[in-house]
Amino acid sequence: MDDTPVSNNPDGRIAQRNALPVLDLEPFLAGEDGAEERLALELRAACESLGFFYLKNHGIDKGLIKRAFTETERFHSQSQEAKNALTINQNQRGYIRPGATLVRHSTYNENTKFDSNETMVLATEYGPDDPNRLAGKRFYGENQWPEDLPGFRETVEEYMQTMTAFGKSLLPIWARALDLPRGFFAPYFENNYTYLRLAHYPPVPDLGDNEFGLGPHADTGFMTLLPQADVDGLEVLDPDGNWFRPPRMAGEILVNTGQFAERWSNERFRASPHRVIPPIDKDRYSVAVFVNTAFEPVCECLPGCCSPDNPPKYGPETYWDFYNWYMTNAYPHYDEFAEGTA
């Protein structure tokens, strides 16, 4: 799927900074004539080249984003015992302790050491009468919430709902960037699956060989929305095989294309590898939101992304099928859930 050369800059702490495209949403949100078309062309260029770009003037309440970071820090400041009580389950909901994740299925790096981050994962909740939830199908269960952290749930739910709505509001731009009708993606995102990673990267003063806060990987879904942290760490692999650090741009949202969008577009849109290098002497927090299609719709190669000379590289698939395959094969901490996932 990816023929990116092996990086010649393995030590992330000497990675250079490279600029990323910055897309201004203000004219689009104001309804200016031609703004949507211009934005679609800019998004197309960004997604066909690297799949990473910034959004400015996005209209998301900065106070809400700040509260999401605050609640993430509060969560990880709890005792280890309190966090362990919410350990991740087969529904990809709960707490993942430091040293528990290792991206085994990576075509970008032979990850051999467990990641140093700890993460709380929350996701779209499906109603008590949902047939898949009643059947115990993987990923459809309830979120796990801390009992003694007042305000955490309310803030996190508001943040996830706000970011999901924002991601969906961008779908007409994605559609036009792919020369599709502006409403093309709407049916695929009805009752969509969003998940949230509230991550903590503790400082690692002496970084060993092939050690990461989060190992090289590409996100699984359609789009990732990442408000900017106040501590460096994120690095992206460019097409020439060099790792670089995007500039931190306060108040802007970093967006990147996920593997499902890459597959759906027959690799027209790129899901670039990225990683997180842990800080030396500071704690780093992240509140990444992954906005995906619903689990059930079958997604075939998008119109205009394949032809007799460029046949589909992937067969029809649902996001549930791809996500389940990826999680089962990528992460050793899911091995205990491997059976009974149909």
C-alpha atoms as a PDB file:
ATOM      1  CA  MET A   1       0.000   0.000   0.000  1.00  0.00           C
ATOM      2  CA  ASP A   2       2.900   2.361   0.731  1.00  0.00           C
ATOM      3  CA  ASP A   3       6.289   2.532  -0.960  1.00  0.00           C
ATOM      4  CA  THR A   4       7.739   5.351   1.154  1.00  0.00           C
ATOM      5  CA  PRO A   5      11.512   4.917   1.450  1.00  0.00           C
ATOM      6  CA  VAL A   6      12.959   3.986   4.829  1.00  0.00           C
ATOM      7  CA  SER A   7      13.732   7.076   6.892  1.00  0.00           C
ATOM      8  CA  ASN A   8      17.309   8.351   6.938  1.00  0.00           C
ATOM      9  CA  ASN A   9      16.562  10.292  10.114  1.00  0.00           C
ATOM     10  CA  PRO A  10      15.682   7.736  12.794  1.00  0.00           C
ATOM     11  CA  ASP A  11      16.384  10.042  15.756  1.00  0.00           C
ATOM     12  CA  GLY A  12      13.260  12.182  16.080  1.00  0.00           C
ATOM     13  CA  ARG A  13      14.959  14.619  18.423  1.00  0.00           C
ATOM     14  CA  ILE A  14      16.951  16.071  15.546  1.00  0.00           C
ATOM     15  CA  ALA A  15      14.073  16.201  13.055  1.00  0.00           C
ATOM     16  CA  GLN A  16      13.754  19.420  11.071  1.00  0.00           C
ATOM     17  CA  ARG A  17      10.605  21.513  10.880  1.00  0.00           C
ATOM     18  CA  ASN A  18       8.662  21.648   7.627  1.00  0.00           C
ATOM     19  CA  ALA A  19       5.624  23.784   6.931  1.00  0.00           C
ATOM     20  CA  LEU A  20       2.234  22.271   6.160  1.00  0.00           C
ATOM     21  CA  PRO A  21      -0.596  23.769   4.089  1.00  0.00           C
ATOM     22  CA  VAL A  22      -2.898  26.068   6.062  1.00  0.00           C
ATOM     23  CA  LEU A  23      -6.527  26.164   4.913  1.00  0.00           C
ATOM     24  CA  ASP A  24      -8.623  29.129   6.030  1.00  0.00           C
ATOM     25  CA  LEU A  25     -12.227  28.204   6.832  1.00  0.00           C
ATOM     26  CA  GLU A  26     -13.467  31.745   7.443  1.00  0.00           C
ATOM     27  CA  PRO A  27     -14.710  32.474   3.877  1.00  0.00           C
ATOM     28  CA  PHE A  28     -16.384  29.044   3.726  1.00  0.00           C
ATOM     29  CA  LEU A  29     -18.112  29.464   7.086  1.00  0.00           C
ATOM     30  CA  ALA A  30     -19.232  32.960   6.047  1.00  0.00           C
ATOM     31  CA  GLY A  31     -20.846  31.525   2.911  1.00  0.00           C
ATOM     32  CA  GLU A  32     -18.755  33.552   0.475  1.00  0.00           C
ATOM     33  CA  ASP A  33     -19.263  32.781  -3.208  1.00  0.00           C
ATOM     34  CA  GLY A  34     -16.682  30.334  -4.514  1.00  0.00           C
ATOM     35  CA  ALA A  35     -15.187  29.668  -1.063  1.00  0.00           C
ATOM     36  CA  GLU A  36     -16.196  26.008  -0.987  1.00  0.00           C
ATOM     37  CA  GLU A  37     -14.697  25.350  -4.412  1.00  0.00           C
ATOM     38  CA  ARG A  38     -11.415  27.068  -3.511  1.00  0.00           C
ATOM     39  CA  LEU A  39     -11.218  25.168  -0.248  1.00  0.00           C
ATOM     40  CA  ALA A  40     -11.881  21.873  -2.027  1.00  0.00           C
ATOM     41  CA  LEU A  41      -9.004  22.506  -4.425  1.00  0.00           C
ATOM     42  CA  GLU A  42      -6.686  23.296  -1.514  1.00  0.00           C
ATOM     43  CA  LEU A  43      -7.788  20.182   0.370  1.00  0.00           C
ATOM     44  CA  ARG A  44      -7.276  18.064  -2.750  1.00  0.00           C
ATOM     45  CA  ALA A  45      -3.721  19.316  -3.176  1.00  0.00           C
ATOM     46  CA  ALA A  46      -2.949  18.683   0.498  1.00  0.00           C
ATOM     47  CA  CYS A  47      -4.436  15.181   0.567  1.00  0.00           C
ATOM     48  CA  GLU A  48      -2.885  14.062  -2.701  1.00  0.00           C
ATOM     49  CA  SER A  49       0.594  15.106  -1.566  1.00  0.00           C
ATOM     50  CA  LEU A  50       0.988  14.348   2.152  1.00  0.00           C
ATOM     51  CA  GLY A  51      -2.459  14.126   3.712  1.00  0.00           C
ATOM     52  CA  PHE A  52      -1.660  16.605   6.507  1.00  0.00           C
ATOM     53  CA  PHE A  53      -2.858  20.207   6.737  1.00  0.00           C
ATOM     54  CA  TYR A  54      -3.940  22.860   9.226  1.00  0.00           C
ATOM     55  CA  LEU A  55      -7.350  24.500   9.505  1.00  0.00           C
ATOM     56  CA  LYS A  56      -7.534  28.047  10.825  1.00  0.00           C
ATOM     57  CA  ASN A  57     -10.587  30.146  11.680  1.00  0.00           C
ATOM     58  CA  HIS A  58     -12.445  26.897  12.273  1.00  0.00           C
ATOM     59  CA  GLY A  59     -14.980  28.312  14.718  1.00  0.00           C
ATOM     60  CA  ILE A  60     -14.533  25.650  17.412  1.00  0.00           C
ATOM     61  CA  ASP A  61     -14.693  27.111  20.907  1.00  0.00           C
ATOM     62  CA  LYS A  62     -11.113  27.442  22.135  1.00  0.00           C
ATOM     63  CA  GLY A  63     -12.383  27.259  25.693  1.00  0.00           C
ATOM     64  CA  LEU A  64     -13.833  23.808  25.019  1.00  0.00           C
ATOM     65  CA  ILE A  65     -10.542  22.604  23.563  1.00  0.00           C
ATOM     66  CA  LYS A  66      -8.693  23.939  26.604  1.00  0.00           C
ATOM     67  CA  ARG A  67     -11.110  22.134  28.912  1.00  0.00           C
ATOM     68  CA  ALA A  68     -10.556  18.892  26.982  1.00  0.00           C
ATOM     69  CA  PHE A  69      -6.810  19.203  27.582  1.00  0.00           C
ATOM     70  CA  THR A  70      -7.432  20.002  31.255  1.00  0.00           C
ATOM     71  CA  GLU A  71      -9.658  16.949  31.725  1.00  0.00           C
ATOM     72  CA  THR A  72      -7.078  14.763  29.987  1.00  0.00           C
ATOM     73  CA  GLU A  73      -4.435  15.919  32.444  1.00  0.00           C
ATOM     74  CA  ARG A  74      -6.836  15.387  35.349  1.00  0.00           C
ATOM     75  CA  PHE A  75      -7.573  11.858  34.205  1.00  0.00           C
ATOM     76  CA  HIS A  76      -3.943  10.852  33.931  1.00  0.00           C
ATOM     77  CA  SER A  77      -3.145  12.466  37.291  1.00  0.00           C
ATOM     78  CA  GLN A  78      -5.303   9.839  39.003  1.00  0.00           C
ATOM     79  CA  SER A  79      -3.753   6.888  40.794  1.00  0.00           C
ATOM     80  CA  GLN A  80      -2.639   3.967  38.671  1.00  0.00           C
ATOM     81  CA  GLU A  81      -5.172   1.824  40.493  1.00  0.00           C
ATOM     82  CA  ALA A  82      -8.033   4.120  39.500  1.00  0.00           C
ATOM     83  CA  LYS A  83      -6.960   4.111  35.853  1.00  0.00           C
ATOM     84  CA  ASN A  84      -6.384   0.357  35.757  1.00  0.00           C
ATOM     85  CA  ALA A  85      -9.984  -0.156  36.890  1.00  0.00           C
ATOM     86  CA  LEU A  86     -10.996   1.121  33.428  1.00  0.00           C
ATOM     87  CA  THR A  87      -8.645  -1.118  31.421  1.00  0.00           C
ATOM     88  CA  ILE A  88      -9.358  -1.293  27.676  1.00  0.00           C
ATOM     89  CA  ASN A  89     -11.879  -3.930  26.601  1.00  0.00           C
ATOM     90  CA  GLN A  90     -12.876  -5.648  23.364  1.00  0.00           C
ATOM     91  CA  ASN A  91     -14.982  -2.635  22.411  1.00  0.00           C
ATOM     92  CA  GLN A  92     -11.876  -0.405  22.174  1.00  0.00           C
ATOM     93  CA  ARG A  93     -13.020   1.654  25.144  1.00  0.00           C
ATOM     94  CA  GLY A  94     -11.022   2.286  28.257  1.00  0.00           C
ATOM     95  CA  TYR A  95      -7.545   2.881  29.619  1.00  0.00           C
ATOM     96  CA  ILE A  96      -4.312   1.674  28.013  1.00  0.00           C
ATOM     97  CA  ARG A  97      -1.363   1.743  30.407  1.00  0.00           C
ATOM     98  CA  PRO A  98       2.184   2.797  29.439  1.00  0.00           C
ATOM     99  CA  GLY A  99       4.131   0.056  27.719  1.00  0.00           C
ATOM    100  CA  ALA A 100       1.019  -1.797  26.516  1.00  0.00           C
ATOM    101  CA  THR A 101       0.875  -0.816  22.833  1.00  0.00           C
ATOM    102  CA  LEU A 102       3.131  -1.719  19.959  1.00  0.00           C
ATOM    103  CA  VAL A 103       2.033  -1.235  16.350  1.00  0.00           C
ATOM    104  CA  ARG A 104       2.914  -4.647  14.928  1.00  0.00           C
ATOM    105  CA  HIS A 105       1.287  -4.107  11.545  1.00  0.00           C
ATOM    106  CA  SER A 106       3.385  -1.195  10.341  1.00  0.00           C
ATOM    107  CA  THR A 107       4.829  -1.057   6.844  1.00  0.00           C
ATOM    108  CA  TYR A 108       6.836   2.017   7.812  1.00  0.00           C
ATOM    109  CA  ASN A 109       8.990   0.709  10.637  1.00  0.00           C
ATOM    110  CA  GLU A 110       9.783  -2.553  12.393  1.00  0.00           C
ATOM    111  CA  ASN A 111       8.417  -1.535  15.766  1.00  0.00           C
ATOM    112  CA  THR A 112      10.094  -3.688  18.403  1.00  0.00           C
ATOM    113  CA  LYS A 113       9.564  -1.745  21.632  1.00  0.00           C
ATOM    114  CA  PHE A 114       6.349  -0.888  23.400  1.00  0.00           C
ATOM    115  CA  ASP A 115       5.103   2.708  23.319  1.00  0.00           C
ATOM    116  CA  SER A 116       5.627   4.904  26.371  1.00  0.00           C
ATOM    117  CA  ASN A 117       2.276   6.711  26.194  1.00  0.00           C
ATOM    118  CA  GLU A 118      -0.827   6.007  28.250  1.00  0.00           C
ATOM    119  CA  THR A 119      -4.244   6.656  26.756  1.00  0.00           C
ATOM    120  CA  MET A 120      -7.920   6.801  27.623  1.00  0.00           C
ATOM    121  CA  VAL A 121     -10.088   5.784  24.656  1.00  0.00           C
ATOM    122  CA  LEU A 122     -13.748   6.771  24.340  1.00  0.00           C
ATOM    123  CA  ALA A 123     -16.064   6.436  21.373  1.00  0.00           C
ATOM    124  CA  THR A 124     -19.556   6.844  19.968  1.00  0.00           C
ATOM    125  CA  GLU A 125     -22.083   5.144  22.205  1.00  0.00           C
ATOM    126  CA  TYR A 126     -24.882   3.146  20.619  1.00  0.00           C
ATOM    127  CA  GLY A 127     -28.320   2.927  22.203  1.00  0.00           C
ATOM    128  CA  PRO A 128     -29.302   0.079  24.530  1.00  0.00           C
ATOM    129  CA  ASP A 129     -31.601  -1.340  21.836  1.00  0.00           C
ATOM    130  CA  ASP A 130     -28.957  -1.345  19.096  1.00  0.00           C
ATOM    131  CA  PRO A 131     -28.943  -4.924  17.719  1.00  0.00           C
ATOM    132  CA  ASN A 132     -25.169  -5.035  17.386  1.00  0.00           C
ATOM    133  CA  ARG A 133     -24.726  -3.883  20.968  1.00  0.00           C
ATOM    134  CA  LEU A 134     -27.284  -6.431  22.177  1.00  0.00           C
ATOM    135  CA  ALA A 135     -25.432  -9.144  20.248  1.00  0.00           C
ATOM    136  CA  GLY A 136     -22.157  -8.176  21.910  1.00  0.00           C
ATOM    137  CA  LYS A 137     -20.513  -7.273  18.625  1.00  0.00           C
ATOM    138  CA  ARG A 138     -17.098  -5.755  19.053  1.00  0.00           C
ATOM    139  CA  PHE A 139     -16.784  -1.941  19.273  1.00  0.00           C
ATOM    140  CA  TYR A 140     -20.495  -1.397  20.052  1.00  0.00           C
ATOM    141  CA  GLY A 141     -20.309  -1.396  23.853  1.00  0.00           C
ATOM    142  CA  GLU A 142     -20.597   1.414  26.369  1.00  0.00           C
ATOM    143  CA  ASN A 143     -17.814   3.780  27.331  1.00  0.00           C
ATOM    144  CA  GLN A 144     -16.068   3.336  30.642  1.00  0.00           C
ATOM    145  CA  TRP A 145     -16.085   6.459  32.809  1.00  0.00           C
ATOM    146  CA  PRO A 146     -14.121   7.336  35.951  1.00  0.00           C
ATOM    147  CA  GLU A 147     -16.303   7.443  39.063  1.00  0.00           C
ATOM    148  CA  ASP A 148     -14.453  10.107  41.033  1.00  0.00           C
ATOM    149  CA  LEU A 149     -13.671  12.761  38.438  1.00  0.00           C
ATOM    150  CA  PRO A 150     -16.541  15.294  38.487  1.00  0.00           C
ATOM    151  CA  GLY A 151     -17.027  17.131  35.204  1.00  0.00           C
ATOM    152  CA  PHE A 152     -14.852  14.769  33.177  1.00  0.00           C
ATOM    153  CA  ARG A 153     -17.664  12.967  31.392  1.00  0.00           C
ATOM    154  CA  GLU A 154     -19.643  16.127  30.649  1.00  0.00           C
ATOM    155  CA  THR A 155     -16.656  17.901  29.115  1.00  0.00           C
ATOM    156  CA  VAL A 156     -15.449  14.913  27.123  1.00  0.00           C
ATOM    157  CA  GLU A 157     -18.898  14.166  25.704  1.00  0.00           C
ATOM    158  CA  GLU A 158     -19.355  17.805  24.693  1.00  0.00           C
ATOM    159  CA  TYR A 159     -15.913  17.842  23.088  1.00  0.00           C
ATOM    160  CA  MET A 160     -16.478  14.612  21.156  1.00  0.00           C
ATOM    161  CA  GLN A 161     -19.917  15.708  19.939  1.00  0.00           C
ATOM    162  CA  THR A 162     -18.608  19.123  18.876  1.00  0.00           C
ATOM    163  CA  MET A 163     -15.643  17.687  16.995  1.00  0.00           C
ATOM    164  CA  THR A 164     -17.791  15.036  15.321  1.00  0.00           C
ATOM    165  CA  ALA A 165     -20.229  17.681  14.092  1.00  0.00           C
ATOM    166  CA  PHE A 166     -17.320  19.782  12.882  1.00  0.00           C
ATOM    167  CA  GLY A 167     -15.792  16.853  10.986  1.00  0.00           C
ATOM    168  CA  LYS A 168     -19.110  16.095   9.322  1.00  0.00           C
ATOM    169  CA  SER A 169     -19.471  19.741   8.305  1.00  0.00           C
ATOM    170  CA  LEU A 170     -16.298  19.335   6.249  1.00  0.00           C
ATOM    171  CA  LEU A 171     -17.620  16.378   4.238  1.00  0.00           C
ATOM    172  CA  PRO A 172     -18.957  18.509   1.335  1.00  0.00           C
ATOM    173  CA  ILE A 173     -15.431  19.877   0.912  1.00  0.00           C
ATOM    174  CA  TRP A 174     -13.967  16.374   0.858  1.00  0.00           C
ATOM    175  CA  ALA A 175     -16.599  15.335  -1.676  1.00  0.00           C
ATOM    176  CA  ARG A 176     -15.916  18.255  -4.006  1.00  0.00           C
ATOM    177  CA  ALA A 177     -12.171  17.666  -3.654  1.00  0.00           C
ATOM    178  CA  LEU A 178     -12.804  14.207  -5.125  1.00  0.00           C
ATOM    179  CA  ASP A 179     -15.129  15.560  -7.852  1.00  0.00           C
ATOM    180  CA  LEU A 180     -18.162  14.018  -6.159  1.00  0.00           C
ATOM    181  CA  PRO A 181     -21.560  15.589  -5.409  1.00  0.00           C
ATOM    182  CA  ARG A 182     -21.241  17.637  -2.226  1.00  0.00           C
ATOM    183  CA  GLY A 183     -23.692  15.371  -0.374  1.00  0.00           C
ATOM    184  CA  PHE A 184     -22.047  12.128  -1.452  1.00  0.00           C
ATOM    185  CA  PHE A 185     -20.583  11.172   1.934  1.00  0.00           C
ATOM    186  CA  ALA A 186     -23.612  12.064   4.074  1.00  0.00           C
ATOM    187  CA  PRO A 187     -25.289   8.609   3.988  1.00  0.00           C
ATOM    188  CA  TYR A 188     -22.033   6.907   4.958  1.00  0.00           C
ATOM    189  CA  PHE A 189     -21.678   9.088   8.054  1.00  0.00           C
ATOM    190  CA  GLU A 190     -25.177   8.637   9.458  1.00  0.00           C
ATOM    191  CA  ASN A 191     -24.761   7.220  12.967  1.00  0.00           C
ATOM    192  CA  ASN A 192     -21.033   7.383  12.364  1.00  0.00           C
ATOM    193  CA  TYR A 193     -18.274   6.016  14.594  1.00  0.00           C
ATOM    194  CA  THR A 194     -16.016   8.587  16.222  1.00  0.00           C
ATOM    195  CA  TYR A 195     -13.372   7.710  18.742  1.00  0.00           C
ATOM    196  CA  LEU A 196     -11.243   9.860  20.976  1.00  0.00           C
ATOM    197  CA  ARG A 197      -7.754   9.265  22.370  1.00  0.00           C
ATOM    198  CA  LEU A 198      -6.903  11.260  25.482  1.00  0.00           C
ATOM    199  CA  ALA A 199      -3.186  10.582  25.578  1.00  0.00           C
ATOM    200  CA  HIS A 200      -0.386  11.347  28.003  1.00  0.00           C
ATOM    201  CA  TYR A 201       3.238  11.198  26.901  1.00  0.00           C
ATOM    202  CA  PRO A 202       5.442  11.253  30.012  1.00  0.00           C
ATOM    203  CA  PRO A 203       8.980  12.608  29.619  1.00  0.00           C
ATOM    204  CA  VAL A 204      11.720  10.205  28.545  1.00  0.00           C
ATOM    205  CA  PRO A 205      15.098  11.909  29.135  1.00  0.00           C
ATOM    206  CA  ASP A 206      17.165   9.142  27.547  1.00  0.00           C
ATOM    207  CA  LEU A 207      15.485   7.825  24.413  1.00  0.00           C
ATOM    208  CA  GLY A 208      16.726   4.407  23.321  1.00  0.00           C
ATOM    209  CA  ASP A 209      16.979   3.053  19.805  1.00  0.00           C
ATOM    210  CA  ASN A 210      13.584   2.452  18.189  1.00  0.00           C
ATOM    211  CA  GLU A 211      11.726   3.843  21.212  1.00  0.00           C
ATOM    212  CA  PHE A 212       8.689   6.064  20.755  1.00  0.00           C
ATOM    213  CA  GLY A 213       5.881   7.707  22.610  1.00  0.00           C
ATOM    214  CA  LEU A 214       3.778   6.249  19.786  1.00  0.00           C
ATOM    215  CA  GLY A 215       5.435   4.173  17.083  1.00  0.00           C
ATOM    216  CA  PRO A 216       5.273   4.904  13.335  1.00  0.00           C
ATOM    217  CA  HIS A 217       1.817   4.203  11.942  1.00  0.00           C
ATOM    218  CA  ALA A 218      -0.977   5.646   9.801  1.00  0.00           C
ATOM    219  CA  ASP A 219      -4.391   6.301  11.336  1.00  0.00           C
ATOM    220  CA  THR A 220      -7.112   3.793  10.509  1.00  0.00           C
ATOM    221  CA  GLY A 221     -10.087   5.989   9.742  1.00  0.00           C
ATOM    222  CA  PHE A 222     -11.343   8.709   7.430  1.00  0.00           C
ATOM    223  CA  MET A 223     -10.072  11.916   9.042  1.00  0.00           C
ATOM    224  CA  THR A 224      -8.220  12.803  12.225  1.00  0.00           C
ATOM    225  CA  LEU A 225      -8.715  16.147  13.978  1.00  0.00           C
ATOM    226  CA  LEU A 226      -5.904  17.191  16.294  1.00  0.00           C
ATOM    227  CA  PRO A 227      -5.966  20.445  18.273  1.00  0.00           C
ATOM    228  CA  GLN A 228      -2.441  21.613  18.909  1.00  0.00           C
ATOM    229  CA  ALA A 229      -0.607  20.500  22.043  1.00  0.00           C
ATOM    230  CA  ASP A 230       1.717  22.941  23.776  1.00  0.00           C
ATOM    231  CA  VAL A 231       4.643  20.479  23.741  1.00  0.00           C
ATOM    232  CA  ASP A 232       6.379  19.130  20.628  1.00  0.00           C
ATOM    233  CA  GLY A 233       6.429  15.476  19.682  1.00  0.00           C
ATOM    234  CA  LEU A 234       4.449  14.747  16.508  1.00  0.00           C
ATOM    235  CA  GLU A 235       6.521  13.875  13.439  1.00  0.00           C
ATOM    236  CA  VAL A 236       5.472  13.037   9.882  1.00  0.00           C
ATOM    237  CA  LEU A 237       7.294  10.987   7.247  1.00  0.00           C
ATOM    238  CA  ASP A 238       7.634  12.831   3.945  1.00  0.00           C
ATOM    239  CA  PRO A 239       7.594  11.062   0.542  1.00  0.00           C
ATOM    240  CA  ASP A 240      11.407  11.086   0.453  1.00  0.00           C
ATOM    241  CA  GLY A 241      11.644   9.098   3.671  1.00  0.00           C
ATOM    242  CA  ASN A 242      12.577  11.922   6.041  1.00  0.00           C
ATOM    243  CA  TRP A 243      10.864  12.551   9.361  1.00  0.00           C
ATOM    244  CA  PHE A 244       9.953  16.153  10.100  1.00  0.00           C
ATOM    245  CA  ARG A 245       8.119  18.093  12.776  1.00  0.00           C
ATOM    246  CA  PRO A 246       5.183  20.249  11.686  1.00  0.00           C
ATOM    247  CA  PRO A 247       5.224  23.697  13.277  1.00  0.00           C
ATOM    248  CA  ARG A 248       3.015  24.052  16.327  1.00  0.00           C
ATOM    249  CA  MET A 249       0.325  26.576  15.421  1.00  0.00           C
ATOM    250  CA  ALA A 250      -1.637  27.676  18.469  1.00  0.00           C
ATOM    251  CA  GLY A 251      -5.391  27.604  18.013  1.00  0.00           C
ATOM    252  CA  GLU A 252      -5.379  25.722  14.721  1.00  0.00           C
ATOM    253  CA  ILE A 253      -6.573  22.188  14.033  1.00  0.00           C
ATOM    254  CA  LEU A 254      -4.243  19.702  12.388  1.00  0.00           C
ATOM    255  CA  VAL A 255      -6.097  17.361  10.038  1.00  0.00           C
ATOM    256  CA  ASN A 256      -4.788  14.190   8.473  1.00  0.00           C
ATOM    257  CA  THR A 257      -6.183  11.550   6.158  1.00  0.00           C
ATOM    258  CA  GLY A 258      -6.628   8.031   7.530  1.00  0.00           C
ATOM    259  CA  GLN A 259      -6.084   4.663   5.901  1.00  0.00           C
ATOM    260  CA  PHE A 260      -9.767   4.079   5.224  1.00  0.00           C
ATOM    261  CA  ALA A 261      -9.967   7.277   3.172  1.00  0.00           C
ATOM    262  CA  GLU A 262      -6.780   6.245   1.400  1.00  0.00           C
ATOM    263  CA  ARG A 263      -8.225   2.826   0.543  1.00  0.00           C
ATOM    264  CA  TRP A 264     -11.636   4.216  -0.412  1.00  0.00           C
ATOM    265  CA  SER A 265      -9.992   6.716  -2.785  1.00  0.00           C
ATOM    266  CA  ASN A 266      -7.794   3.990  -4.299  1.00  0.00           C
ATOM    267  CA  GLU A 267      -4.768   5.749  -2.759  1.00  0.00           C
ATOM    268  CA  ARG A 268      -5.547   9.043  -4.458  1.00  0.00           C
ATOM    269  CA  PHE A 269      -5.616  10.631  -1.002  1.00  0.00           C
ATOM    270  CA  ARG A 270      -2.591   9.797   1.092  1.00  0.00           C
ATOM    271  CA  ALA A 271      -2.456   8.522   4.687  1.00  0.00           C
ATOM    272  CA  SER A 272       1.074   9.457   5.681  1.00  0.00           C
ATOM    273  CA  PRO A 273       3.004   7.680   8.425  1.00  0.00           C
ATOM    274  CA  HIS A 274       3.574   9.619  11.608  1.00  0.00           C
ATOM    275  CA  ARG A 275       4.898   9.006  15.105  1.00  0.00           C
ATOM    276  CA  VAL A 276       5.269  10.729  18.465  1.00  0.00           C
ATOM    277  CA  ILE A 277       8.650  11.281  20.085  1.00  0.00           C
ATOM    278  CA  PRO A 278       8.292  11.654  23.872  1.00  0.00           C
ATOM    279  CA  PRO A 279       9.429  14.922  25.438  1.00  0.00           C
ATOM    280  CA  ILE A 280      12.670  15.127  27.398  1.00  0.00           C
ATOM    281  CA  ASP A 281      11.529  16.938  30.534  1.00  0.00           C
ATOM    282  CA  LYS A 282       7.841  17.853  30.143  1.00  0.00           C
ATOM    283  CA  ASP A 283       4.540  16.009  30.048  1.00  0.00           C
ATOM    284  CA  ARG A 284       2.729  16.089  26.710  1.00  0.00           C
ATOM    285  CA  TYR A 285      -1.038  15.643  26.311  1.00  0.00           C
ATOM    286  CA  SER A 286      -3.108  14.993  23.196  1.00  0.00           C
ATOM    287  CA  VAL A 287      -6.860  15.069  22.492  1.00  0.00           C
ATOM    288  CA  ALA A 288      -7.059  13.503  19.016  1.00  0.00           C
ATOM    289  CA  VAL A 289     -10.482  12.850  17.476  1.00  0.00           C
ATOM    290  CA  PHE A 290     -10.957  10.254  14.732  1.00  0.00           C
ATOM    291  CA  VAL A 291     -14.078  10.874  12.636  1.00  0.00           C
ATOM    292  CA  ASN A 292     -15.083   7.835  10.604  1.00  0.00           C
ATOM    293  CA  THR A 293     -17.965   6.468   8.584  1.00  0.00           C
ATOM    294  CA  ALA A 294     -20.623   4.355  10.223  1.00  0.00           C
ATOM    295  CA  PHE A 295     -19.582   0.746  10.719  1.00  0.00           C
ATOM    296  CA  GLU A 296     -22.170  -0.852   8.417  1.00  0.00           C
ATOM    297  CA  PRO A 297     -22.054   0.829   4.957  1.00  0.00           C
ATOM    298  CA  VAL A 298     -20.145  -1.078   2.305  1.00  0.00           C
ATOM    299  CA  CYS A 299     -17.593   1.222   0.702  1.00  0.00           C
ATOM    300  CA  GLU A 300     -16.386   0.514  -2.825  1.00  0.00           C
ATOM    301  CA  CYS A 301     -13.749   2.417  -4.766  1.00  0.00           C
ATOM    302  CA  LEU A 302     -15.000   5.983  -5.077  1.00  0.00           C
ATOM    303  CA  PRO A 303     -16.259   7.121  -8.486  1.00  0.00           C
ATOM    304  CA  GLY A 304     -13.465   8.780 -10.409  1.00  0.00           C
ATOM    305  CA  CYS A 305     -10.740   7.083  -8.374  1.00  0.00           C
ATOM    306  CA  CYS A 306     -10.424   3.970 -10.526  1.00  0.00           C
ATOM    307  CA  SER A 307     -10.411   3.140 -14.220  1.00  0.00           C
ATOM    308  CA  PRO A 308      -9.365   0.296 -16.551  1.00  0.00           C
ATOM    309  CA  ASP A 309      -5.815   1.625 -16.292  1.00  0.00           C
ATOM    310  CA  ASN A 310      -6.100   2.122 -12.528  1.00  0.00           C
ATOM    311  CA  PRO A 311      -8.276  -0.690 -11.178  1.00  0.00           C
ATOM    312  CA  PRO A 312      -9.379  -0.808  -7.536  1.00  0.00           C
ATOM    313  CA  LYS A 313      -6.576  -1.886  -5.211  1.00  0.00           C
ATOM    314  CA  TYR A 314      -9.045  -2.918  -2.496  1.00  0.00           C
ATOM    315  CA  GLY A 315     -12.340  -4.747  -2.598  1.00  0.00           C
ATOM    316  CA  PRO A 316     -15.617  -3.528  -1.110  1.00  0.00           C
ATOM    317  CA  GLU A 317     -15.400  -3.328   2.682  1.00  0.00           C
ATOM    318  CA  THR A 318     -17.119  -1.852   5.687  1.00  0.00           C
ATOM    319  CA  TYR A 319     -15.244   0.260   8.181  1.00  0.00           C
ATOM    320  CA  TRP A 320     -16.036  -2.335  10.851  1.00  0.00           C
ATOM    321  CA  ASP A 321     -14.294  -5.041   8.806  1.00  0.00           C
ATOM    322  CA  PHE A 322     -11.182  -2.948   8.238  1.00  0.00           C
ATOM    323  CA  TYR A 323     -11.025  -1.565  11.776  1.00  0.00           C
ATOM    324  CA  ASN A 324     -11.494  -4.995  13.327  1.00  0.00           C
ATOM    325  CA  TRP A 325      -8.790  -6.493  11.104  1.00  0.00           C
ATOM    326  CA  TYR A 326      -6.382  -3.677  11.866  1.00  0.00           C
ATOM    327  CA  MET A 327      -6.899  -3.667  15.619  1.00  0.00           C
ATOM    328  CA  THR A 328      -6.580  -7.430  15.839  1.00  0.00           C
ATOM    329  CA  ASN A 329      -3.374  -7.528  13.827  1.00  0.00           C
ATOM    330  CA  ALA A 330      -1.725  -4.307  14.943  1.00  0.00           C
ATOM    331  CA  TYR A 331      -1.895  -4.362  18.717  1.00  0.00           C
ATOM    332  CA  PRO A 332      -0.815  -7.236  20.988  1.00  0.00           C
ATOM    333  CA  HIS A 333      -3.036  -5.988  23.821  1.00  0.00           C
ATOM    334  CA  TYR A 334      -6.046  -7.023  21.691  1.00  0.00           C
ATOM    335  CA  ASP A 335      -4.925 -10.639  21.367  1.00  0.00           C
ATOM    336  CA  GLU A 336      -7.175 -11.731  24.227  1.00  0.00           C
ATOM    337  CA  PHE A 337     -10.181 -10.394  22.308  1.00  0.00           C
ATOM    338  CA  ALA A 338      -9.317 -12.152  19.021  1.00  0.00           C
ATOM    339  CA  GLU A 339     -12.064 -14.757  19.304  1.00  0.00           C
ATOM    340  CA  GLY A 340     -15.740 -13.988  19.048  1.00  0.00           C
ATOM    341  CA  THR A 341     -15.333 -10.775  17.084  1.00  0.00           C
ATOM    342  CA  ALA A 342     -17.720 -11.525  14.247  1.00  0.00           C
END
